[in-house]
């Protein structure tokens, strides 16, 4: 087999990517990345201080926390309750090995939307950087799906809080 005959994507990666439960992860990645794009496109939420284009999630959350209604829907209430009971952990290096931090619990008087969007970003980082894959031994693989589903609900409700960010999220997309 020559280099030209090698598959572009290794078989193991293709199998992960083609699993039916991966569609939810794909939707989460696309939604999260477009949300982040919309924040960076808005001068209010383009973080200053560095040369890097970074979204200011905390400022967005702080600006919109008052309007974030935890009782807006049963699904949102369920998502918030899930994160309060089972907040995600951050993947860390512990004694030279991969490990997990303590759960990211909400600490009053921190605005709840800041905490929730931090949880969503942690879910994204864990998923994107390989911390969450059901192909490997985990204590509760269904938790990965629940974290992603609840993150999508939170992102959806947060997006509706700012008309400009919501509009920018869809700009340039051909539906």
Protein backbone atom coordinates (compact mmCIF):
# COMPACT_ATOMS: atom_id res chain seq x y z
CA UNK A 1 0.00 0.00 0.00
CA UNK A 2 1.43 3.36 -0.98
CA UNK A 3 0.92 6.64 0.86
CA UNK A 4 -1.69 7.58 -1.73
CA UNK A 5 -3.71 4.46 -0.86
CA UNK A 6 -3.81 5.18 2.89
CA UNK A 7 -7.23 6.14 4.24
CA UNK A 8 -7.57 9.83 5.13
CA UNK A 9 -9.19 9.01 8.48
CA UNK A 10 -8.09 5.99 10.55
CA UNK A 11 -10.73 3.27 10.81
CA UNK A 12 -11.10 3.64 14.59
CA UNK A 13 -11.83 7.37 14.22
CA UNK A 14 -14.28 6.74 11.38
CA UNK A 15 -16.18 4.24 13.54
CA UNK A 16 -16.47 6.75 16.38
CA UNK A 17 -17.55 9.52 14.01
CA UNK A 18 -20.21 7.41 12.34
CA UNK A 19 -21.94 6.15 15.48
CA UNK A 20 -25.53 7.29 15.68
CA UNK A 21 -25.00 8.93 19.08
CA UNK A 22 -22.25 11.09 17.58
CA UNK A 23 -24.87 13.18 15.76
CA UNK A 24 -25.72 14.85 19.06
CA UNK A 25 -22.04 15.67 19.62
CA UNK A 26 -21.81 17.09 16.11
CA UNK A 27 -24.83 19.33 16.71
CA UNK A 28 -23.28 20.50 19.98
CA UNK A 29 -19.95 21.32 18.29
CA UNK A 30 -21.61 23.27 15.51
CA UNK A 31 -23.93 25.18 17.86
CA UNK A 32 -21.15 25.93 20.35
CA UNK A 33 -18.70 27.08 17.67
CA UNK A 34 -21.28 29.32 15.98
CA UNK A 35 -22.24 30.80 19.37
CA UNK A 36 -18.57 31.51 20.05
CA UNK A 37 -18.22 33.01 16.55
CA UNK A 38 -21.21 35.29 17.20
CA UNK A 39 -19.72 36.47 20.50
CA UNK A 40 -16.38 37.28 18.85
CA UNK A 41 -18.12 39.17 16.03
CA UNK A 42 -19.87 41.42 18.55
CA UNK A 43 -17.54 44.20 19.81
CA UNK A 44 -19.21 43.96 23.23
CA UNK A 45 -18.06 40.37 23.63
CA UNK A 46 -14.72 40.34 21.85
CA UNK A 47 -12.29 40.01 24.72
CA UNK A 48 -9.60 42.64 24.88
CA UNK A 49 -6.14 42.50 26.33
CA UNK A 50 -4.50 39.97 24.03
CA UNK A 51 -3.92 39.74 20.32
CA UNK A 52 -6.03 36.59 20.21
CA UNK A 53 -9.68 36.77 19.16
CA UNK A 54 -11.43 35.31 22.20
CA UNK A 55 -15.09 35.50 23.14
CA UNK A 56 -15.96 36.98 26.52
CA UNK A 57 -18.46 34.38 27.68
CA UNK A 58 -18.47 35.75 31.23
CA UNK A 59 -19.37 39.27 30.11
CA UNK A 60 -22.16 37.90 27.91
CA UNK A 61 -23.47 35.89 30.87
CA UNK A 62 -23.14 38.80 33.28
CA UNK A 63 -24.96 41.17 30.91
CA UNK A 64 -27.81 38.71 30.42
CA UNK A 65 -28.06 36.99 33.79
CA UNK A 66 -30.98 39.15 34.99
CA UNK A 67 -33.09 38.09 31.99
CA UNK A 68 -32.10 34.42 32.19
CA UNK A 69 -35.25 32.82 33.56
CA UNK A 70 -34.49 29.48 35.14
CA UNK A 71 -38.19 28.61 34.91
CA UNK A 72 -38.55 29.53 31.21
CA UNK A 73 -39.20 25.90 30.31
CA UNK A 74 -39.32 22.50 31.95
CA UNK A 75 -36.31 21.42 29.85
CA UNK A 76 -34.24 24.38 31.06
CA UNK A 77 -35.20 23.75 34.69
CA UNK A 78 -34.22 20.09 34.23
CA UNK A 79 -30.88 21.10 32.65
CA UNK A 80 -30.06 23.53 35.47
CA UNK A 81 -31.03 20.96 38.10
CA UNK A 82 -28.84 18.36 36.38
CA UNK A 83 -25.80 20.64 36.43
CA UNK A 84 -26.44 21.57 40.06
CA UNK A 85 -26.56 17.88 41.00
CA UNK A 86 -23.92 16.61 38.58
CA UNK A 87 -21.71 19.45 37.39
CA UNK A 88 -18.98 18.48 34.94
CA UNK A 89 -15.41 18.01 36.05
CA UNK A 90 -12.45 19.49 34.25
CA UNK A 91 -9.78 17.16 32.91
CA UNK A 92 -6.52 17.91 34.75
CA UNK A 93 -3.02 16.63 35.18
CA UNK A 94 -2.64 15.02 38.61
CA UNK A 95 0.73 13.59 39.66
CA UNK A 96 1.77 13.20 36.03
CA UNK A 97 -1.44 11.40 35.06
CA UNK A 98 -4.72 12.49 33.57
CA UNK A 99 -7.36 13.01 36.19
CA UNK A 100 -10.51 14.98 36.97
CA UNK A 101 -11.05 18.06 39.09
CA UNK A 102 -13.83 18.37 41.60
CA UNK A 103 -17.18 19.23 39.97
CA UNK A 104 -17.67 22.88 39.00
CA UNK A 105 -20.28 23.75 41.62
CA UNK A 106 -22.19 27.04 41.64
CA UNK A 107 -21.01 29.41 44.35
CA UNK A 108 -23.44 32.17 45.33
CA UNK A 109 -23.48 35.09 44.70
CA UNK A 110 -21.89 34.24 41.34
CA UNK A 111 -24.49 34.80 38.60
CA UNK A 112 -25.97 31.44 37.67
CA UNK A 113 -25.60 32.07 33.93
CA UNK A 114 -21.84 32.63 34.30
CA UNK A 115 -21.56 29.30 36.10
CA UNK A 116 -23.80 27.47 33.63
CA UNK A 117 -21.86 28.71 30.60
CA UNK A 118 -18.61 27.74 32.34
CA UNK A 119 -20.08 24.25 32.73
CA UNK A 120 -21.05 24.19 29.04
CA UNK A 121 -17.53 25.26 28.06
CA UNK A 122 -16.10 22.49 30.25
CA UNK A 123 -18.35 19.94 28.54
CA UNK A 124 -17.14 21.26 25.18
CA UNK A 125 -13.48 21.10 26.21
CA UNK A 126 -13.81 17.58 27.60
CA UNK A 127 -15.56 16.36 24.49
CA UNK A 128 -13.34 18.19 22.01
CA UNK A 129 -10.07 17.29 23.70
CA UNK A 130 -10.94 13.63 24.11
CA UNK A 131 -11.99 13.58 27.74
CA UNK A 132 -15.40 12.12 27.00
CA UNK A 133 -15.74 9.16 24.69
CA UNK A 134 -18.14 6.28 25.35
CA UNK A 135 -15.76 3.89 23.60
CA UNK A 136 -13.60 3.83 26.73
CA UNK A 137 -14.37 2.66 30.25
CA UNK A 138 -16.25 5.30 32.21
CA UNK A 139 -18.37 4.89 35.29
CA UNK A 140 -21.56 6.16 33.62
CA UNK A 141 -21.46 6.52 29.81
CA UNK A 142 -25.03 7.85 29.71
CA UNK A 143 -23.78 10.90 31.60
CA UNK A 144 -21.87 12.09 28.52
CA UNK A 145 -25.08 12.24 26.50
CA UNK A 146 -26.93 13.98 29.35
CA UNK A 147 -24.18 16.60 29.70
CA UNK A 148 -24.35 17.36 25.97
CA UNK A 149 -28.16 17.44 25.83
CA UNK A 150 -28.41 19.76 28.84
CA UNK A 151 -25.64 21.95 27.44
CA UNK A 152 -27.61 22.36 24.22
CA UNK A 153 -30.70 23.44 26.19
CA UNK A 154 -28.69 26.01 28.15
CA UNK A 155 -27.03 27.37 25.00
CA UNK A 156 -30.40 27.65 23.28
CA UNK A 157 -31.93 29.66 26.12
CA UNK A 158 -28.83 31.83 26.52
CA UNK A 159 -28.79 32.63 22.79
CA UNK A 160 -32.32 34.04 22.94
CA UNK A 161 -31.21 36.63 25.51
CA UNK A 162 -29.34 38.76 22.97
CA UNK A 163 -30.97 39.49 19.60
CA UNK A 164 -27.72 40.67 17.99
CA UNK A 165 -25.75 37.59 19.01
CA UNK A 166 -28.66 35.40 17.88
CA UNK A 167 -28.74 37.12 14.47
CA UNK A 168 -24.97 36.91 14.03
CA UNK A 169 -24.99 33.20 14.83
CA UNK A 170 -27.00 32.58 11.66
CA UNK A 171 -25.24 35.14 9.43
CA UNK A 172 -23.69 33.58 6.37
CA UNK A 173 -25.31 30.19 6.89
CA UNK A 174 -27.18 28.84 3.91
CA UNK A 175 -30.11 26.81 5.09
